[in-house]
Amino acid sequence: MDKTHDYRTLEEIRQRKNELRRQIDRDNEHISQLWGSLFVKRKDSTTGQFVTNLLSHGAMMIDAFLLVRKLRRDYGGLMQSLRRKKS
């Protein structure tokens, strides 16, 4: 941030206001460009990329399923005992 300024005339205030307006406009333009770059449409993938993505997502789903199954098996009794104590 800029340090405080001592303004003596209305013209100095107007100049500072115009300078701040230009900075704000420049920042808004920069933010608009960055925002637009976030939502760039991807190019169409080839069949090979589609199959690779499908296999990758399938492997992640199987891994997540096995993790949940293992956690329920190992900690399922603990959770049931905690539920009984609350009742």
N, C-alpha and C. Protein backbone atom coordinates (compact mmCIF):
# COMPACT_ATOMS: atom_id res chain seq x y z
N MET A 1 0.83 -1.19 0.00
CA MET A 1 0.00 0.00 0.00
C MET A 1 0.88 1.25 0.00
N ASP A 2 0.34 2.29 -0.58
CA ASP A 2 1.04 3.56 -0.59
C ASP A 2 0.92 4.21 0.78
N LYS A 3 1.94 4.98 1.09
CA LYS A 3 1.84 5.73 2.33
C LYS A 3 0.85 6.88 2.15
N THR A 4 0.40 7.43 3.23
CA THR A 4 -0.61 8.49 3.16
C THR A 4 -0.03 9.73 2.51
N HIS A 5 -0.87 10.46 1.84
CA HIS A 5 -0.47 11.68 1.14
C HIS A 5 -1.11 12.87 1.81
N ASP A 6 -0.41 13.98 1.74
CA ASP A 6 -0.98 15.24 2.23
C ASP A 6 -1.48 16.01 1.01
N TYR A 7 -2.78 16.16 0.92
CA TYR A 7 -3.39 16.86 -0.19
C TYR A 7 -3.71 18.27 0.25
N ARG A 8 -3.34 19.23 -0.61
CA ARG A 8 -3.55 20.62 -0.25
C ARG A 8 -4.61 21.29 -1.12
N THR A 9 -4.85 20.72 -2.31
CA THR A 9 -5.84 21.34 -3.20
C THR A 9 -6.76 20.26 -3.74
N LEU A 10 -7.88 20.73 -4.29
CA LEU A 10 -8.82 19.82 -4.92
C LEU A 10 -8.20 19.17 -6.15
N GLU A 11 -7.34 19.89 -6.84
CA GLU A 11 -6.68 19.34 -8.04
C GLU A 11 -5.80 18.15 -7.68
N GLU A 12 -5.10 18.21 -6.56
CA GLU A 12 -4.27 17.08 -6.13
C GLU A 12 -5.14 15.85 -5.82
N ILE A 13 -6.29 16.11 -5.23
CA ILE A 13 -7.22 15.01 -4.93
C ILE A 13 -7.73 14.40 -6.21
N ARG A 14 -8.09 15.26 -7.19
CA ARG A 14 -8.58 14.75 -8.48
C ARG A 14 -7.51 13.93 -9.20
N GLN A 15 -6.26 14.42 -9.17
CA GLN A 15 -5.18 13.67 -9.81
C GLN A 15 -5.00 12.31 -9.15
N ARG A 16 -5.03 12.28 -7.84
CA ARG A 16 -4.88 11.01 -7.13
C ARG A 16 -6.05 10.07 -7.44
N LYS A 17 -7.24 10.64 -7.50
CA LYS A 17 -8.42 9.84 -7.83
C LYS A 17 -8.29 9.25 -9.23
N ASN A 18 -7.84 10.03 -10.18
CA ASN A 18 -7.65 9.53 -11.55
C ASN A 18 -6.57 8.45 -11.60
N GLU A 19 -5.50 8.64 -10.84
CA GLU A 19 -4.44 7.65 -10.79
C GLU A 19 -4.95 6.33 -10.20
N LEU A 20 -5.71 6.41 -9.13
CA LEU A 20 -6.29 5.21 -8.53
C LEU A 20 -7.28 4.53 -9.48
N ARG A 21 -8.06 5.32 -10.21
CA ARG A 21 -9.01 4.77 -11.17
C ARG A 21 -8.27 4.00 -12.27
N ARG A 22 -7.16 4.55 -12.76
CA ARG A 22 -6.36 3.85 -13.78
C ARG A 22 -5.79 2.54 -13.22
N GLN A 23 -5.31 2.57 -11.98
CA GLN A 23 -4.79 1.35 -11.36
C GLN A 23 -5.87 0.29 -11.21
N ILE A 24 -7.04 0.73 -10.79
CA ILE A 24 -8.17 -0.21 -10.62
C ILE A 24 -8.57 -0.80 -11.96
N ASP A 25 -8.66 0.03 -12.98
CA ASP A 25 -9.01 -0.46 -14.31
C ASP A 25 -7.98 -1.46 -14.83
N ARG A 26 -6.70 -1.16 -14.62
CA ARG A 26 -5.63 -2.06 -15.05
C ARG A 26 -5.72 -3.39 -14.30
N ASP A 27 -5.96 -3.34 -12.97
CA ASP A 27 -6.11 -4.57 -12.18
C ASP A 27 -7.33 -5.36 -12.61
N ASN A 28 -8.44 -4.68 -12.89
CA ASN A 28 -9.64 -5.37 -13.36
C ASN A 28 -9.40 -6.08 -14.68
N GLU A 29 -8.66 -5.44 -15.58
CA GLU A 29 -8.36 -6.06 -16.87
C GLU A 29 -7.48 -7.30 -16.66
N HIS A 30 -6.51 -7.18 -15.79
CA HIS A 30 -5.62 -8.32 -15.51
C HIS A 30 -6.41 -9.48 -14.88
N ILE A 31 -7.28 -9.18 -13.95
CA ILE A 31 -8.11 -10.21 -13.31
C ILE A 31 -9.04 -10.85 -14.33
N SER A 32 -9.59 -10.07 -15.22
CA SER A 32 -10.47 -10.61 -16.27
C SER A 32 -9.72 -11.58 -17.16
N GLN A 33 -8.49 -11.25 -17.51
CA GLN A 33 -7.69 -12.15 -18.34
C GLN A 33 -7.40 -13.45 -17.59
N LEU A 34 -7.03 -13.34 -16.31
CA LEU A 34 -6.75 -14.54 -15.53
C LEU A 34 -8.00 -15.39 -15.36
N TRP A 35 -9.14 -14.74 -15.13
CA TRP A 35 -10.39 -15.47 -14.95
C TRP A 35 -10.77 -16.20 -16.24
N GLY A 36 -10.59 -15.53 -17.36
CA GLY A 36 -10.90 -16.15 -18.65
C GLY A 36 -10.00 -17.34 -18.94
N SER A 37 -8.76 -17.28 -18.49
CA SER A 37 -7.84 -18.39 -18.76
C SER A 37 -8.18 -19.61 -17.91
N LEU A 38 -8.94 -19.43 -16.84
CA LEU A 38 -9.33 -20.57 -16.02
C LEU A 38 -10.31 -21.49 -16.73
N PHE A 39 -11.13 -20.93 -17.59
CA PHE A 39 -12.21 -21.68 -18.21
C PHE A 39 -11.99 -21.85 -19.72
N VAL A 40 -10.79 -22.19 -20.08
CA VAL A 40 -10.49 -22.44 -21.49
C VAL A 40 -11.00 -23.83 -21.84
N LYS A 41 -11.74 -23.90 -22.94
CA LYS A 41 -12.29 -25.18 -23.37
C LYS A 41 -11.16 -26.07 -23.86
N ARG A 42 -11.15 -27.29 -23.37
CA ARG A 42 -10.12 -28.22 -23.77
C ARG A 42 -10.38 -28.70 -25.19
N LYS A 43 -9.30 -29.01 -25.88
CA LYS A 43 -9.46 -29.55 -27.23
C LYS A 43 -9.98 -30.98 -27.11
N ASP A 44 -10.62 -31.44 -28.16
CA ASP A 44 -11.17 -32.79 -28.16
C ASP A 44 -10.06 -33.81 -28.01
N SER A 45 -10.30 -34.79 -27.13
CA SER A 45 -9.28 -35.80 -26.91
C SER A 45 -9.40 -36.90 -27.96
N THR A 46 -8.30 -37.55 -28.18
CA THR A 46 -8.29 -38.65 -29.13
C THR A 46 -8.85 -39.90 -28.46
N THR A 47 -9.06 -40.93 -29.22
CA THR A 47 -9.60 -42.17 -28.68
C THR A 47 -8.64 -42.77 -27.66
N GLY A 48 -7.35 -42.68 -27.92
CA GLY A 48 -6.35 -43.20 -26.99
C GLY A 48 -6.39 -42.48 -25.66
N GLN A 49 -6.52 -41.16 -25.70
CA GLN A 49 -6.62 -40.38 -24.46
C GLN A 49 -7.90 -40.71 -23.72
N PHE A 50 -8.99 -40.91 -24.45
CA PHE A 50 -10.27 -41.26 -23.82
C PHE A 50 -10.15 -42.59 -23.08
N VAL A 51 -9.55 -43.58 -23.72
CA VAL A 51 -9.39 -44.90 -23.09
C VAL A 51 -8.47 -44.81 -21.88
N THR A 52 -7.39 -44.04 -22.00
CA THR A 52 -6.47 -43.87 -20.89
C THR A 52 -7.17 -43.21 -19.70
N ASN A 53 -7.95 -42.17 -19.95
CA ASN A 53 -8.69 -41.51 -18.87
C ASN A 53 -9.71 -42.45 -18.25
N LEU A 54 -10.38 -43.24 -19.08
CA LEU A 54 -11.36 -44.19 -18.58
C LEU A 54 -10.72 -45.22 -17.67
N LEU A 55 -9.59 -45.76 -18.08
CA LEU A 55 -8.88 -46.73 -17.25
C LEU A 55 -8.36 -46.10 -15.96
N SER A 56 -7.87 -44.90 -16.06
CA SER A 56 -7.35 -44.20 -14.88
C SER A 56 -8.45 -43.95 -13.86
N HIS A 57 -9.59 -43.45 -14.33
CA HIS A 57 -10.71 -43.19 -13.42
C HIS A 57 -11.26 -44.49 -12.84
N GLY A 58 -11.31 -45.52 -13.64
CA GLY A 58 -11.77 -46.82 -13.15
C GLY A 58 -10.87 -47.35 -12.06
N ALA A 59 -9.56 -47.23 -12.25
CA ALA A 59 -8.61 -47.69 -11.23
C ALA A 59 -8.76 -46.89 -9.95
N MET A 60 -8.99 -45.58 -10.06
CA MET A 60 -9.19 -44.77 -8.86
C MET A 60 -10.46 -45.18 -8.12
N MET A 61 -11.53 -45.50 -8.86
CA MET A 61 -12.77 -45.91 -8.22
C MET A 61 -12.60 -47.24 -7.50
N ILE A 62 -11.90 -48.18 -8.12
CA ILE A 62 -11.65 -49.47 -7.48
C ILE A 62 -10.80 -49.28 -6.24
N ASP A 63 -9.78 -48.44 -6.31
CA ASP A 63 -8.92 -48.17 -5.17
C ASP A 63 -9.71 -47.56 -4.02
N ALA A 64 -10.59 -46.61 -4.33
CA ALA A 64 -11.41 -45.98 -3.29
C ALA A 64 -12.35 -47.00 -2.66
N PHE A 65 -12.95 -47.86 -3.46
CA PHE A 65 -13.85 -48.88 -2.95
C PHE A 65 -13.11 -49.82 -2.00
N LEU A 66 -11.90 -50.26 -2.40
CA LEU A 66 -11.13 -51.17 -1.55
C LEU A 66 -10.70 -50.49 -0.25
N LEU A 67 -10.37 -49.20 -0.32
CA LEU A 67 -10.00 -48.47 0.89
C LEU A 67 -11.17 -48.39 1.86
N VAL A 68 -12.35 -48.04 1.36
CA VAL A 68 -13.53 -47.94 2.23
C VAL A 68 -13.84 -49.30 2.83
N ARG A 69 -13.75 -50.34 2.03
CA ARG A 69 -14.02 -51.70 2.51
C ARG A 69 -13.05 -52.10 3.62
N LYS A 70 -11.78 -51.78 3.43
CA LYS A 70 -10.77 -52.11 4.44
C LYS A 70 -11.01 -51.32 5.72
N LEU A 71 -11.31 -50.05 5.60
CA LEU A 71 -11.55 -49.22 6.79
C LEU A 71 -12.78 -49.70 7.56
N ARG A 72 -13.83 -50.06 6.84
CA ARG A 72 -15.03 -50.56 7.51
C ARG A 72 -14.75 -51.88 8.21
N ARG A 73 -13.96 -52.74 7.58
CA ARG A 73 -13.63 -54.02 8.18
C ARG A 73 -12.78 -53.83 9.44
N ASP A 74 -11.77 -52.95 9.36
CA ASP A 74 -10.86 -52.76 10.49
C ASP A 74 -11.46 -51.92 11.62
N TYR A 75 -12.23 -50.92 11.28
CA TYR A 75 -12.75 -50.00 12.30
C TYR A 75 -14.26 -50.07 12.45
N GLY A 76 -14.92 -51.00 11.80
CA GLY A 76 -16.37 -51.11 11.90
C GLY A 76 -16.83 -51.44 13.30
N GLY A 77 -16.13 -52.35 14.00
CA GLY A 77 -16.49 -52.71 15.37
C GLY A 77 -16.35 -51.53 16.31
N LEU A 78 -15.34 -50.72 16.10
CA LEU A 78 -15.13 -49.54 16.93
C LEU A 78 -16.28 -48.56 16.77
N MET A 79 -16.71 -48.36 15.55
CA MET A 79 -17.82 -47.43 15.31
C MET A 79 -19.11 -47.93 15.92
N GLN A 80 -19.36 -49.23 15.84
CA GLN A 80 -20.58 -49.79 16.43
C GLN A 80 -20.56 -49.66 17.94
N SER A 81 -19.41 -49.87 18.57
CA SER A 81 -19.32 -49.74 20.03
C SER A 81 -19.55 -48.30 20.45
N LEU A 82 -19.06 -47.35 19.67
CA LEU A 82 -19.29 -45.94 20.00
C LEU A 82 -20.76 -45.58 19.87
N ARG A 83 -21.44 -46.14 18.88
CA ARG A 83 -22.88 -45.86 18.70
C ARG A 83 -23.67 -46.44 19.87
N ARG A 84 -23.28 -47.61 20.36
CA ARG A 84 -24.01 -48.24 21.48
C ARG A 84 -23.84 -47.43 22.75
N LYS A 85 -22.65 -46.84 22.98
CA LYS A 85 -22.40 -46.07 24.19
C LYS A 85 -23.25 -44.81 24.21
N LYS A 86 -23.50 -44.20 23.07
CA LYS A 86 -24.29 -42.98 23.02
C LYS A 86 -25.75 -43.27 23.32
N SER A 87 -26.24 -44.44 23.00
CA SER A 87 -27.66 -44.76 23.18
C SER A 87 -27.99 -45.01 24.62
